[in-house]
Amino acid sequence: MKIDNIILADCKIISITIEEREIVIKSEKGYDIIEKRYIPDITIHIKDWEVFQIKMYISDKPFGKFSEIILEKNLETFDLIQEIEAVSDSLILKGYSKEAGYWIHYCFTNATTYVYAG
């Protein structure tokens, strides 16, 4: 499976493991846009990136202007991954944080990515 063929929008994230140069994200299911069906137990394995940042977007009021914060400590994990953007050497996962409920991005440059079921 390829990362740009999977949609995880509204699929529960079961776990996220963040280590030195490796992240493993497990989802209850994902939608394969090629096969046009949901596939249970999706794992996304991302490793050996050149750059990795977690960005969080915070607003002090509903519909207010958002401030972007780069997280270096107290890393946020996803409750939901709503968008996956894979273009050239860039991978961005976007969704809601489990801990704070804010919109976050995981941004990778030159990462090795594997997606598999089971």
PDB file of N, CA and C in Angstrom:
ATOM      1  N   MET A   1       0.834  -1.184   0.000  1.00  0.00           N
ATOM      2  CA  MET A   1       0.000   0.000   0.000  1.00  0.00           C
ATOM      3  C   MET A   1       0.875   1.242   0.000  1.00  0.00           C
ATOM      4  N   LYS A   2       0.388   2.271  -0.636  1.00  0.00           N
ATOM      5  CA  LYS A   2       1.115   3.539  -0.655  1.00  0.00           C
ATOM      6  C   LYS A   2       0.389   4.549   0.238  1.00  0.00           C
ATOM      7  N   ILE A   3       1.143   5.407   0.876  1.00  0.00           N
ATOM      8  CA  ILE A   3       0.587   6.382   1.814  1.00  0.00           C
ATOM      9  C   ILE A   3      -0.422   7.311   1.146  1.00  0.00           C
ATOM     10  N   ASP A   4      -0.208   7.654  -0.127  1.00  0.00           N
ATOM     11  CA  ASP A   4      -1.128   8.581  -0.784  1.00  0.00           C
ATOM     12  C   ASP A   4      -2.382   7.895  -1.325  1.00  0.00           C
ATOM     13  N   ASN A   5      -2.526   6.579  -1.091  1.00  0.00           N
ATOM     14  CA  ASN A   5      -3.735   5.859  -1.477  1.00  0.00           C
ATOM     15  C   ASN A   5      -4.624   5.522  -0.273  1.00  0.00           C
ATOM     16  N   ILE A   6      -4.228   5.958   0.917  1.00  0.00           N
ATOM     17  CA  ILE A   6      -4.962   5.636   2.143  1.00  0.00           C
ATOM     18  C   ILE A   6      -5.583   6.907   2.734  1.00  0.00           C
ATOM     19  N   ILE A   7      -6.836   6.787   3.152  1.00  0.00           N
ATOM     20  CA  ILE A   7      -7.525   7.874   3.854  1.00  0.00           C
ATOM     21  C   ILE A   7      -7.862   7.367   5.253  1.00  0.00           C
ATOM     22  N   LEU A   8      -7.456   8.131   6.268  1.00  0.00           N
ATOM     23  CA  LEU A   8      -7.743   7.760   7.659  1.00  0.00           C
ATOM     24  C   LEU A   8      -8.775   8.668   8.306  1.00  0.00           C
ATOM     25  N   ALA A   9      -9.363   9.589   7.540  1.00  0.00           N
ATOM     26  CA  ALA A   9     -10.322  10.550   8.098  1.00  0.00           C
ATOM     27  C   ALA A   9     -11.410   9.827   8.872  1.00  0.00           C
ATOM     28  N   ASP A  10     -11.599  10.254  10.105  1.00  0.00           N
ATOM     29  CA  ASP A  10     -12.619   9.731  11.011  1.00  0.00           C
ATOM     30  C   ASP A  10     -12.407   8.275  11.423  1.00  0.00           C
ATOM     31  N   CYS A  11     -11.226   7.728  11.185  1.00  0.00           N
ATOM     32  CA  CYS A  11     -10.883   6.381  11.651  1.00  0.00           C
ATOM     33  C   CYS A  11     -10.090   6.513  12.950  1.00  0.00           C
ATOM     34  N   LYS A  12     -10.453   5.748  13.948  1.00  0.00           N
ATOM     35  CA  LYS A  12      -9.824   5.853  15.264  1.00  0.00           C
ATOM     36  C   LYS A  12      -8.347   5.464  15.210  1.00  0.00           C
ATOM     37  N   ILE A  13      -7.518   6.301  15.813  1.00  0.00           N
ATOM     38  CA  ILE A  13      -6.094   5.990  15.969  1.00  0.00           C
ATOM     39  C   ILE A  13      -5.962   5.185  17.255  1.00  0.00           C
ATOM     40  N   ILE A  14      -5.432   3.990  17.141  1.00  0.00           N
ATOM     41  CA  ILE A  14      -5.303   3.092  18.288  1.00  0.00           C
ATOM     42  C   ILE A  14      -4.061   3.413  19.103  1.00  0.00           C
ATOM     43  N   SER A  15      -2.937   3.649  18.414  1.00  0.00           N
ATOM     44  CA  SER A  15      -1.697   3.965  19.132  1.00  0.00           C
ATOM     45  C   SER A  15      -0.718   4.695  18.230  1.00  0.00           C
ATOM     46  N   ILE A  16       0.151   5.462  18.875  1.00  0.00           N
ATOM     47  CA  ILE A  16       1.261   6.129  18.192  1.00  0.00           C
ATOM     48  C   ILE A  16       2.493   5.938  19.056  1.00  0.00           C
ATOM     49  N   THR A  17       3.539   5.390  18.455  1.00  0.00           N
ATOM     50  CA  THR A  17       4.811   5.213  19.142  1.00  0.00           C
ATOM     51  C   THR A  17       5.828   6.125  18.472  1.00  0.00           C
ATOM     52  N   ILE A  18       6.412   7.016  19.263  1.00  0.00           N
ATOM     53  CA  ILE A  18       7.424   7.941  18.743  1.00  0.00           C
ATOM     54  C   ILE A  18       8.748   7.610  19.398  1.00  0.00           C
ATOM     55  N   GLU A  19       9.721   7.239  18.581  1.00  0.00           N
ATOM     56  CA  GLU A  19      11.067   6.952  19.066  1.00  0.00           C
ATOM     57  C   GLU A  19      12.051   7.891  18.378  1.00  0.00           C
ATOM     58  N   GLU A  20      13.327   7.674  18.604  1.00  0.00           N
ATOM     59  CA  GLU A  20      14.388   8.545  18.093  1.00  0.00           C
ATOM     60  C   GLU A  20      14.228   8.894  16.612  1.00  0.00           C
ATOM     61  N   ARG A  21      14.151   7.934  15.730  1.00  0.00           N
ATOM     62  CA  ARG A  21      14.071   8.184  14.283  1.00  0.00           C
ATOM     63  C   ARG A  21      12.988   7.332  13.643  1.00  0.00           C
ATOM     64  N   GLU A  22      11.916   7.088  14.417  1.00  0.00           N
ATOM     65  CA  GLU A  22      10.895   6.172  13.937  1.00  0.00           C
ATOM     66  C   GLU A  22       9.556   6.476  14.611  1.00  0.00           C
ATOM     67  N   ILE A  23       8.493   6.471  13.813  1.00  0.00           N
ATOM     68  CA  ILE A  23       7.134   6.646  14.324  1.00  0.00           C
ATOM     69  C   ILE A  23       6.271   5.536  13.744  1.00  0.00           C
ATOM     70  N   VAL A  24       5.471   4.920  14.604  1.00  0.00           N
ATOM     71  CA  VAL A  24       4.538   3.887  14.158  1.00  0.00           C
ATOM     72  C   VAL A  24       3.142   4.322  14.601  1.00  0.00           C
ATOM     73  N   ILE A  25       2.242   4.435  13.616  1.00  0.00           N
ATOM     74  CA  ILE A  25       0.863   4.846  13.868  1.00  0.00           C
ATOM     75  C   ILE A  25      -0.050   3.678  13.504  1.00  0.00           C
ATOM     76  N   LYS A  26      -0.891   3.283  14.452  1.00  0.00           N
ATOM     77  CA  LYS A  26      -1.835   2.189  14.200  1.00  0.00           C
ATOM     78  C   LYS A  26      -3.257   2.749  14.238  1.00  0.00           C
ATOM     79  N   SER A  27      -4.025   2.421  13.194  1.00  0.00           N
ATOM     80  CA  SER A  27      -5.402   2.880  13.074  1.00  0.00           C
ATOM     81  C   SER A  27      -6.331   1.673  12.996  1.00  0.00           C
ATOM     82  N   GLU A  28      -7.550   1.844  13.509  1.00  0.00           N
ATOM     83  CA  GLU A  28      -8.515   0.742  13.477  1.00  0.00           C
ATOM     84  C   GLU A  28      -8.820   0.298  12.050  1.00  0.00           C
ATOM     85  N   LYS A  29      -8.762   1.229  11.104  1.00  0.00           N
ATOM     86  CA  LYS A  29      -9.019   0.937   9.696  1.00  0.00           C
ATOM     87  C   LYS A  29      -8.582   2.122   8.861  1.00  0.00           C
ATOM     88  N   GLY A  30      -8.603   1.947   7.554  1.00  0.00           N
ATOM     89  CA  GLY A  30      -8.319   3.015   6.613  1.00  0.00           C
ATOM     90  C   GLY A  30      -9.035   2.714   5.312  1.00  0.00           C
ATOM     91  N   TYR A  31      -9.296   3.750   4.543  1.00  0.00           N
ATOM     92  CA  TYR A  31      -9.982   3.570   3.272  1.00  0.00           C
ATOM     93  C   TYR A  31      -8.947   3.570   2.154  1.00  0.00           C
ATOM     94  N   ASP A  32      -8.915   2.497   1.373  1.00  0.00           N
ATOM     95  CA  ASP A  32      -8.004   2.376   0.233  1.00  0.00           C
ATOM     96  C   ASP A  32      -8.718   2.939  -0.996  1.00  0.00           C
ATOM     97  N   ILE A  33      -8.219   4.051  -1.526  1.00  0.00           N
ATOM     98  CA  ILE A  33      -8.907   4.708  -2.647  1.00  0.00           C
ATOM     99  C   ILE A  33      -8.741   3.953  -3.962  1.00  0.00           C
ATOM    100  N   ILE A  34      -7.771   3.056  -4.054  1.00  0.00           N
ATOM    101  CA  ILE A  34      -7.599   2.234  -5.253  1.00  0.00           C
ATOM    102  C   ILE A  34      -8.601   1.070  -5.241  1.00  0.00           C
ATOM    103  N   GLU A  35      -8.670   0.367  -4.103  1.00  0.00           N
ATOM    104  CA  GLU A  35      -9.578  -0.773  -3.988  1.00  0.00           C
ATOM    105  C   GLU A  35     -11.009  -0.358  -3.654  1.00  0.00           C
ATOM    106  N   LYS A  36     -11.184   0.919  -3.266  1.00  0.00           N
ATOM    107  CA  LYS A  36     -12.495   1.467  -2.917  1.00  0.00           C
ATOM    108  C   LYS A  36     -13.194   0.666  -1.807  1.00  0.00           C
ATOM    109  N   ARG A  37     -12.427   0.426  -0.729  1.00  0.00           N
ATOM    110  CA  ARG A  37     -12.990  -0.282   0.421  1.00  0.00           C
ATOM    111  C   ARG A  37     -12.180   0.021   1.675  1.00  0.00           C
ATOM    112  N   TYR A  38     -12.822  -0.178   2.826  1.00  0.00           N
ATOM    113  CA  TYR A  38     -12.125  -0.038   4.098  1.00  0.00           C
ATOM    114  C   TYR A  38     -11.302  -1.287   4.368  1.00  0.00           C
ATOM    115  N   ILE A  39     -10.108  -1.076   4.896  1.00  0.00           N
ATOM    116  CA  ILE A  39      -9.201  -2.160   5.240  1.00  0.00           C
ATOM    117  C   ILE A  39      -8.928  -2.056   6.745  1.00  0.00           C
ATOM    118  N   PRO A  40      -9.141  -3.137   7.500  1.00  0.00           N
ATOM    119  CA  PRO A  40      -8.919  -3.070   8.951  1.00  0.00           C
ATOM    120  C   PRO A  40      -7.429  -3.056   9.314  1.00  0.00           C
ATOM    121  N   ASP A  41      -7.157  -2.535  10.499  1.00  0.00           N
ATOM    122  CA  ASP A  41      -5.819  -2.583  11.116  1.00  0.00           C
ATOM    123  C   ASP A  41      -4.715  -2.029  10.216  1.00  0.00           C
ATOM    124  N   ILE A  42      -4.747  -0.728   9.984  1.00  0.00           N
ATOM    125  CA  ILE A  42      -3.730  -0.062   9.168  1.00  0.00           C
ATOM    126  C   ILE A  42      -2.578   0.392  10.063  1.00  0.00           C
ATOM    127  N   THR A  43      -1.365   0.132   9.628  1.00  0.00           N
ATOM    128  CA  THR A  43      -0.165   0.618  10.315  1.00  0.00           C
ATOM    129  C   THR A  43       0.626   1.481   9.348  1.00  0.00           C
ATOM    130  N   ILE A  44       0.999   2.676   9.810  1.00  0.00           N
ATOM    131  CA  ILE A  44       1.884   3.564   9.054  1.00  0.00           C
ATOM    132  C   ILE A  44       3.200   3.624   9.812  1.00  0.00           C
ATOM    133  N   HIS A  45       4.262   3.271   9.142  1.00  0.00           N
ATOM    134  CA  HIS A  45       5.600   3.228   9.731  1.00  0.00           C
ATOM    135  C   HIS A  45       6.448   4.270   9.007  1.00  0.00           C
ATOM    136  N   ILE A  46       6.907   5.276   9.743  1.00  0.00           N
ATOM    137  CA  ILE A  46       7.693   6.377   9.179  1.00  0.00           C
ATOM    138  C   ILE A  46       9.043   6.386   9.881  1.00  0.00           C
ATOM    139  N   LYS A  47      10.130   6.434   9.084  1.00  0.00           N
ATOM    140  CA  LYS A  47      11.451   6.407   9.717  1.00  0.00           C
ATOM    141  C   LYS A  47      12.490   7.115   8.849  1.00  0.00           C
ATOM    142  N   ASP A  48      13.659   7.304   9.438  1.00  0.00           N
ATOM    143  CA  ASP A  48      14.841   7.846   8.748  1.00  0.00           C
ATOM    144  C   ASP A  48      14.588   9.168   8.034  1.00  0.00           C
ATOM    145  N   TRP A  49      13.826  10.056   8.673  1.00  0.00           N
ATOM    146  CA  TRP A  49      13.548  11.350   8.066  1.00  0.00           C
ATOM    147  C   TRP A  49      14.744  12.280   8.192  1.00  0.00           C
ATOM    148  N   GLU A  50      14.755  13.242   7.312  1.00  0.00           N
ATOM    149  CA  GLU A  50      15.764  14.298   7.370  1.00  0.00           C
ATOM    150  C   GLU A  50      15.310  15.394   8.328  1.00  0.00           C
ATOM    151  N   VAL A  51      14.012  15.745   8.246  1.00  0.00           N
ATOM    152  CA  VAL A  51      13.414  16.771   9.111  1.00  0.00           C
ATOM    153  C   VAL A  51      12.073  16.248   9.611  1.00  0.00           C
ATOM    154  N   PHE A  52      11.796  16.462  10.906  1.00  0.00           N
ATOM    155  CA  PHE A  52      10.492  16.135  11.486  1.00  0.00           C
ATOM    156  C   PHE A  52      10.107  17.253  12.440  1.00  0.00           C
ATOM    157  N   GLN A  53       8.898  17.808  12.236  1.00  0.00           N
ATOM    158  CA  GLN A  53       8.372  18.835  13.132  1.00  0.00           C
ATOM    159  C   GLN A  53       6.914  18.520  13.441  1.00  0.00           C
ATOM    160  N   ILE A  54       6.515  18.859  14.655  1.00  0.00           N
ATOM    161  CA  ILE A  54       5.106  18.836  15.006  1.00  0.00           C
ATOM    162  C   ILE A  54       4.675  20.278  15.192  1.00  0.00           C
ATOM    163  N   LYS A  55       3.657  20.661  14.426  1.00  0.00           N
ATOM    164  CA  LYS A  55       3.118  22.020  14.518  1.00  0.00           C
ATOM    165  C   LYS A  55       1.718  21.940  15.109  1.00  0.00           C
ATOM    166  N   MET A  56       1.429  22.858  16.040  1.00  0.00           N
ATOM    167  CA  MET A  56       0.106  22.924  16.646  1.00  0.00           C
ATOM    168  C   MET A  56      -0.477  24.301  16.360  1.00  0.00           C
ATOM    169  N   TYR A  57      -1.761  24.338  16.062  1.00  0.00           N
ATOM    170  CA  TYR A  57      -2.442  25.585  15.713  1.00  0.00           C
ATOM    171  C   TYR A  57      -3.475  25.897  16.793  1.00  0.00           C
ATOM    172  N   ILE A  58      -3.300  27.068  17.439  1.00  0.00           N
ATOM    173  CA  ILE A  58      -4.112  27.459  18.586  1.00  0.00           C
ATOM    174  C   ILE A  58      -4.786  28.797  18.304  1.00  0.00           C
ATOM    175  N   SER A  59      -6.047  28.895  18.715  1.00  0.00           N
ATOM    176  CA  SER A  59      -6.775  30.160  18.617  1.00  0.00           C
ATOM    177  C   SER A  59      -7.336  30.485  19.993  1.00  0.00           C
ATOM    178  N   ASP A  60      -7.352  31.761  20.343  1.00  0.00           N
ATOM    179  CA  ASP A  60      -7.865  32.147  21.659  1.00  0.00           C
ATOM    180  C   ASP A  60      -9.385  32.293  21.680  1.00  0.00           C
ATOM    181  N   LYS A  61     -10.033  32.197  20.500  1.00  0.00           N
ATOM    182  CA  LYS A  61     -11.495  32.283  20.438  1.00  0.00           C
ATOM    183  C   LYS A  61     -11.997  31.558  19.194  1.00  0.00           C
ATOM    184  N   PRO A  62     -13.236  31.085  19.215  1.00  0.00           N
ATOM    185  CA  PRO A  62     -13.781  30.419  18.020  1.00  0.00           C
ATOM    186  C   PRO A  62     -13.715  31.336  16.799  1.00  0.00           C
ATOM    187  N   PHE A  63     -13.302  30.785  15.693  1.00  0.00           N
ATOM    188  CA  PHE A  63     -13.186  31.503  14.418  1.00  0.00           C
ATOM    189  C   PHE A  63     -12.165  32.640  14.467  1.00  0.00           C
ATOM    190  N   GLY A  64     -11.303  32.622  15.486  1.00  0.00           N
ATOM    191  CA  GLY A  64     -10.261  33.635  15.600  1.00  0.00           C
ATOM    192  C   GLY A  64      -9.037  33.252  14.782  1.00  0.00           C
ATOM    193  N   LYS A  65      -8.068  34.131  14.756  1.00  0.00           N
ATOM    194  CA  LYS A  65      -6.819  33.881  14.044  1.00  0.00           C
ATOM    195  C   LYS A  65      -6.023  32.804  14.790  1.00  0.00           C
ATOM    196  N   PHE A  66      -5.411  31.897  14.024  1.00  0.00           N
ATOM    197  CA  PHE A  66      -4.628  30.823  14.612  1.00  0.00           C
ATOM    198  C   PHE A  66      -3.164  31.213  14.738  1.00  0.00           C
ATOM    199  N   SER A  67      -2.549  30.761  15.823  1.00  0.00           N
ATOM    200  CA  SER A  67      -1.112  30.906  16.017  1.00  0.00           C
ATOM    201  C   SER A  67      -0.478  29.544  15.817  1.00  0.00           C
ATOM    202  N   GLU A  68       0.636  29.511  15.100  1.00  0.00           N
ATOM    203  CA  GLU A  68       1.357  28.257  14.875  1.00  0.00           C
ATOM    204  C   GLU A  68       2.451  28.123  15.919  1.00  0.00           C
ATOM    205  N   ILE A  69       2.492  26.953  16.568  1.00  0.00           N
ATOM    206  CA  ILE A  69       3.517  26.671  17.570  1.00  0.00           C
ATOM    207  C   ILE A  69       4.247  25.404  17.143  1.00  0.00           C
ATOM    208  N   ILE A  70       5.575  25.459  17.122  1.00  0.00           N
ATOM    209  CA  ILE A  70       6.396  24.276  16.845  1.00  0.00           C
ATOM    210  C   ILE A  70       6.651  23.580  18.183  1.00  0.00           C
ATOM    211  N   LEU A  71       6.227  22.328  18.293  1.00  0.00           N
ATOM    212  CA  LEU A  71       6.398  21.593  19.545  1.00  0.00           C
ATOM    213  C   LEU A  71       7.736  20.874  19.559  1.00  0.00           C
ATOM    214  N   GLU A  72       8.507  21.109  20.596  1.00  0.00           N
ATOM    215  CA  GLU A  72       9.796  20.447  20.750  1.00  0.00           C
ATOM    216  C   GLU A  72       9.803  19.527  21.970  1.00  0.00           C
ATOM    217  N   LYS A  73       8.951  19.816  22.930  1.00  0.00           N
ATOM    218  CA  LYS A  73       8.782  18.978  24.120  1.00  0.00           C
ATOM    219  C   LYS A  73       7.291  18.735  24.278  1.00  0.00           C
ATOM    220  N   ASN A  74       6.919  17.809  25.134  1.00  0.00           N
ATOM    221  CA  ASN A  74       5.504  17.481  25.339  1.00  0.00           C
ATOM    222  C   ASN A  74       4.802  17.237  24.007  1.00  0.00           C
ATOM    223  N   LEU A  75       5.338  16.306  23.240  1.00  0.00           N
ATOM    224  CA  LEU A  75       4.823  16.040  21.907  1.00  0.00           C
ATOM    225  C   LEU A  75       3.372  15.577  21.948  1.00  0.00           C
ATOM    226  N   GLU A  76       2.580  16.117  21.069  1.00  0.00           N
ATOM    227  CA  GLU A  76       1.172  15.762  20.951  1.00  0.00           C
ATOM    228  C   GLU A  76       1.023  14.578  19.994  1.00  0.00           C
ATOM    229  N   THR A  77       0.091  13.690  20.298  1.00  0.00           N
ATOM    230  CA  THR A  77      -0.220  12.582  19.396  1.00  0.00           C
ATOM    231  C   THR A  77      -1.612  12.809  18.806  1.00  0.00           C
ATOM    232  N   PHE A  78      -1.942  12.054  17.777  1.00  0.00           N
ATOM    233  CA  PHE A  78      -3.223  12.236  17.099  1.00  0.00           C
ATOM    234  C   PHE A  78      -4.348  11.466  17.774  1.00  0.00           C
ATOM    235  N   ASP A  79      -5.506  12.109  17.845  1.00  0.00           N
ATOM    236  CA  ASP A  79      -6.751  11.422  18.143  1.00  0.00           C
ATOM    237  C   ASP A  79      -7.358  10.974  16.814  1.00  0.00           C
ATOM    238  N   LEU A  80      -7.346  11.870  15.833  1.00  0.00           N
ATOM    239  CA  LEU A  80      -7.806  11.591  14.472  1.00  0.00           C
ATOM    240  C   LEU A  80      -6.825  12.184  13.470  1.00  0.00           C
ATOM    241  N   ILE A  81      -6.526  11.447  12.421  1.00  0.00           N
ATOM    242  CA  ILE A  81      -5.753  11.981  11.292  1.00  0.00           C
ATOM    243  C   ILE A  81      -6.755  12.223  10.177  1.00  0.00           C
ATOM    244  N   GLN A  82      -7.003  13.478   9.872  1.00  0.00           N
ATOM    245  CA  GLN A  82      -8.034  13.832   8.905  1.00  0.00           C
ATOM    246  C   GLN A  82      -7.490  13.984   7.483  1.00  0.00           C
ATOM    247  N   GLU A  83      -6.209  14.323   7.338  1.00  0.00           N
ATOM    248  CA  GLU A  83      -5.635  14.536   6.014  1.00  0.00           C
ATOM    249  C   GLU A  83      -4.229  13.954   5.958  1.00  0.00           C
ATOM    250  N   ILE A  84      -3.890  13.384   4.801  1.00  0.00           N
ATOM    251  CA  ILE A  84      -2.532  12.925   4.524  1.00  0.00           C
ATOM    252  C   ILE A  84      -2.114  13.577   3.218  1.00  0.00           C
ATOM    253  N   GLU A  85      -1.017  14.312   3.287  1.00  0.00           N
ATOM    254  CA  GLU A  85      -0.517  15.025   2.116  1.00  0.00           C
ATOM    255  C   GLU A  85       0.891  14.519   1.811  1.00  0.00           C
ATOM    256  N   ALA A  86       1.036  13.803   0.706  1.00  0.00           N
ATOM    257  CA  ALA A  86       2.338  13.260   0.309  1.00  0.00           C
ATOM    258  C   ALA A  86       2.688  13.818  -1.065  1.00  0.00           C
ATOM    259  N   VAL A  87       3.650  14.732  -1.088  1.00  0.00           N
ATOM    260  CA  VAL A  87       4.066  15.369  -2.335  1.00  0.00           C
ATOM    261  C   VAL A  87       5.588  15.405  -2.373  1.00  0.00           C
ATOM    262  N   SER A  88       6.139  14.855  -3.438  1.00  0.00           N
ATOM    263  CA  SER A  88       7.590  14.851  -3.648  1.00  0.00           C
ATOM    264  C   SER A  88       8.280  14.247  -2.424  1.00  0.00           C
ATOM    265  N   ASP A  89       9.153  15.006  -1.757  1.00  0.00           N
ATOM    266  CA  ASP A  89       9.886  14.491  -0.593  1.00  0.00           C
ATOM    267  C   ASP A  89       9.242  14.894   0.731  1.00  0.00           C
ATOM    268  N   SER A  90       8.007  15.400   0.664  1.00  0.00           N
ATOM    269  CA  SER A  90       7.321  15.905   1.849  1.00  0.00           C
ATOM    270  C   SER A  90       6.118  15.035   2.211  1.00  0.00           C
ATOM    271  N   LEU A  91       5.951  14.789   3.508  1.00  0.00           N
ATOM    272  CA  LEU A  91       4.781  14.082   4.025  1.00  0.00           C
ATOM    273  C   LEU A  91       4.238  14.896   5.187  1.00  0.00           C
ATOM    274  N   ILE A  92       2.940  15.221   5.133  1.00  0.00           N
ATOM    275  CA  ILE A  92       2.302  15.962   6.223  1.00  0.00           C
ATOM    276  C   ILE A  92       1.036  15.217   6.630  1.00  0.00           C
ATOM    277  N   LEU A  93       0.962  14.868   7.900  1.00  0.00           N
ATOM    278  CA  LEU A  93      -0.235  14.275   8.482  1.00  0.00           C
ATOM    279  C   LEU A  93      -0.930  15.374   9.282  1.00  0.00           C
ATOM    280  N   LYS A  94      -2.243  15.550   9.068  1.00  0.00           N
ATOM    281  CA  LYS A  94      -2.981  16.628   9.717  1.00  0.00           C
ATOM    282  C   LYS A  94      -4.190  16.067  10.447  1.00  0.00           C
ATOM    283  N   GLY A  95      -4.427  16.580  11.648  1.00  0.00           N
ATOM    284  CA  GLY A  95      -5.588  16.120  12.394  1.00  0.00           C
ATOM    285  C   GLY A  95      -5.658  16.734  13.777  1.00  0.00           C
ATOM    286  N   TYR A  96      -6.480  16.112  14.617  1.00  0.00           N
ATOM    287  CA  TYR A  96      -6.714  16.630  15.964  1.00  0.00           C
ATOM    288  C   TYR A  96      -5.855  15.904  16.983  1.00  0.00           C
ATOM    289  N   SER A  97      -5.284  16.683  17.886  1.00  0.00           N
ATOM    290  CA  SER A  97      -4.427  16.119  18.926  1.00  0.00           C
ATOM    291  C   SER A  97      -5.267  15.435  20.002  1.00  0.00           C
ATOM    292  N   LYS A  98      -4.747  14.335  20.483  1.00  0.00           N
ATOM    293  CA  LYS A  98      -5.417  13.566  21.528  1.00  0.00           C
ATOM    294  C   LYS A  98      -5.361  14.295  22.865  1.00  0.00           C
ATOM    295  N   GLU A  99      -4.232  14.907  23.166  1.00  0.00           N
ATOM    296  CA  GLU A  99      -4.023  15.514  24.476  1.00  0.00           C
ATOM    297  C   GLU A  99      -4.752  16.850  24.635  1.00  0.00           C
ATOM    298  N   ALA A 100      -4.581  17.762  23.690  1.00  0.00           N
ATOM    299  CA  ALA A 100      -5.130  19.116  23.832  1.00  0.00           C
ATOM    300  C   ALA A 100      -6.354  19.373  22.956  1.00  0.00           C
ATOM    301  N   GLY A 101      -6.568  18.536  21.950  1.00  0.00           N
ATOM    302  CA  GLY A 101      -7.712  18.729  21.066  1.00  0.00           C
ATOM    303  C   GLY A 101      -7.488  19.757  19.966  1.00  0.00           C
ATOM    304  N   TYR A 102      -6.274  20.281  19.875  1.00  0.00           N
ATOM    305  CA  TYR A 102      -5.967  21.281  18.845  1.00  0.00           C
ATOM    306  C   TYR A 102      -5.619  20.608  17.519  1.00  0.00           C
ATOM    307  N   TRP A 103      -5.669  21.392  16.455  1.00  0.00           N
ATOM    308  CA  TRP A 103      -5.269  20.936  15.122  1.00  0.00           C
ATOM    309  C   TRP A 103      -3.748  20.853  15.094  1.00  0.00           C
ATOM    310  N   ILE A 104      -3.204  19.704  14.656  1.00  0.00           N
ATOM    311  CA  ILE A 104      -1.752  19.545  14.586  1.00  0.00           C
ATOM    312  C   ILE A 104      -1.337  18.997  13.225  1.00  0.00           C
ATOM    313  N   HIS A 105      -0.087  19.231  12.896  1.00  0.00           N
ATOM    314  CA  HIS A 105       0.543  18.681  11.690  1.00  0.00           C
ATOM    315  C   HIS A 105       1.802  17.941  12.117  1.00  0.00           C
ATOM    316  N   TYR A 106       2.004  16.755  11.566  1.00  0.00           N
ATOM    317  CA  TYR A 106       3.299  16.088  11.627  1.00  0.00           C
ATOM    318  C   TYR A 106       3.911  16.306  10.253  1.00  0.00           C
ATOM    319  N   CYS A 107       5.030  17.001  10.186  1.00  0.00           N
ATOM    320  CA  CYS A 107       5.666  17.357   8.921  1.00  0.00           C
ATOM    321  C   CYS A 107       7.009  16.636   8.791  1.00  0.00           C
ATOM    322  N   PHE A 108       7.161  15.866   7.725  1.00  0.00           N
ATOM    323  CA  PHE A 108       8.375  15.094   7.474  1.00  0.00           C
ATOM    324  C   PHE A 108       8.973  15.498   6.136  1.00  0.00           C
ATOM    325  N   THR A 109      10.298  15.506   6.077  1.00  0.00           N
ATOM    326  CA  THR A 109      11.008  15.688   4.816  1.00  0.00           C
ATOM    327  C   THR A 109      11.940  14.507   4.642  1.00  0.00           C
ATOM    328  N   ASN A 110      11.917  13.930   3.427  1.00  0.00           N
ATOM    329  CA  ASN A 110      12.757  12.787   3.067  1.00  0.00           C
ATOM    330  C   ASN A 110      12.640  11.626   4.043  1.00  0.00           C
ATOM    331  N   ALA A 111      11.405  11.217   4.326  1.00  0.00           N
ATOM    332  CA  ALA A 111      11.176  10.090   5.229  1.00  0.00           C
ATOM    333  C   ALA A 111      10.918   8.815   4.411  1.00  0.00           C
ATOM    334  N   THR A 112      11.271   7.684   5.005  1.00  0.00           N
ATOM    335  CA  THR A 112      10.909   6.393   4.444  1.00  0.00           C
ATOM    336  C   THR A 112       9.582   5.995   5.088  1.00  0.00           C
ATOM    337  N   THR A 113       8.602   5.660   4.254  1.00  0.00           N
ATOM    338  CA  THR A 113       7.249   5.388   4.755  1.00  0.00           C
ATOM    339  C   THR A 113       6.757   4.033   4.253  1.00  0.00           C
ATOM    340  N   TYR A 114       6.199   3.250   5.177  1.00  0.00           N
ATOM    341  CA  TYR A 114       5.574   1.977   4.844  1.00  0.00           C
ATOM    342  C   TYR A 114       4.142   1.999   5.371  1.00  0.00           C
ATOM    343  N   VAL A 115       3.227   1.445   4.598  1.00  0.00           N
ATOM    344  CA  VAL A 115       1.831   1.303   5.047  1.00  0.00           C
ATOM    345  C   VAL A 115       1.437  -0.151   4.819  1.00  0.00           C
ATOM    346  N   TYR A 116       0.893  -0.772   5.858  1.00  0.00           N
ATOM    347  CA  TYR A 116       0.466  -2.155   5.690  1.00  0.00           C
ATOM    348  C   TYR A 116      -0.731  -2.445   6.578  1.00  0.00           C
ATOM    349  N   ALA A 117      -1.455  -3.498   6.239  1.00  0.00           N
ATOM    350  CA  ALA A 117      -2.624  -3.926   6.999  1.00  0.00           C
ATOM    351  C   ALA A 117      -2.244  -5.122   7.869  1.00  0.00           C
ATOM    352  N   GLY A 118      -2.882  -5.179   9.040  1.00  0.00           N
ATOM    353  CA  GLY A 118      -2.672  -6.323   9.908  1.00  0.00           C
ATOM    354  C   GLY A 118      -1.586  -6.187  10.903  1.00  0.00           C
TER     355      GLY A 118
END
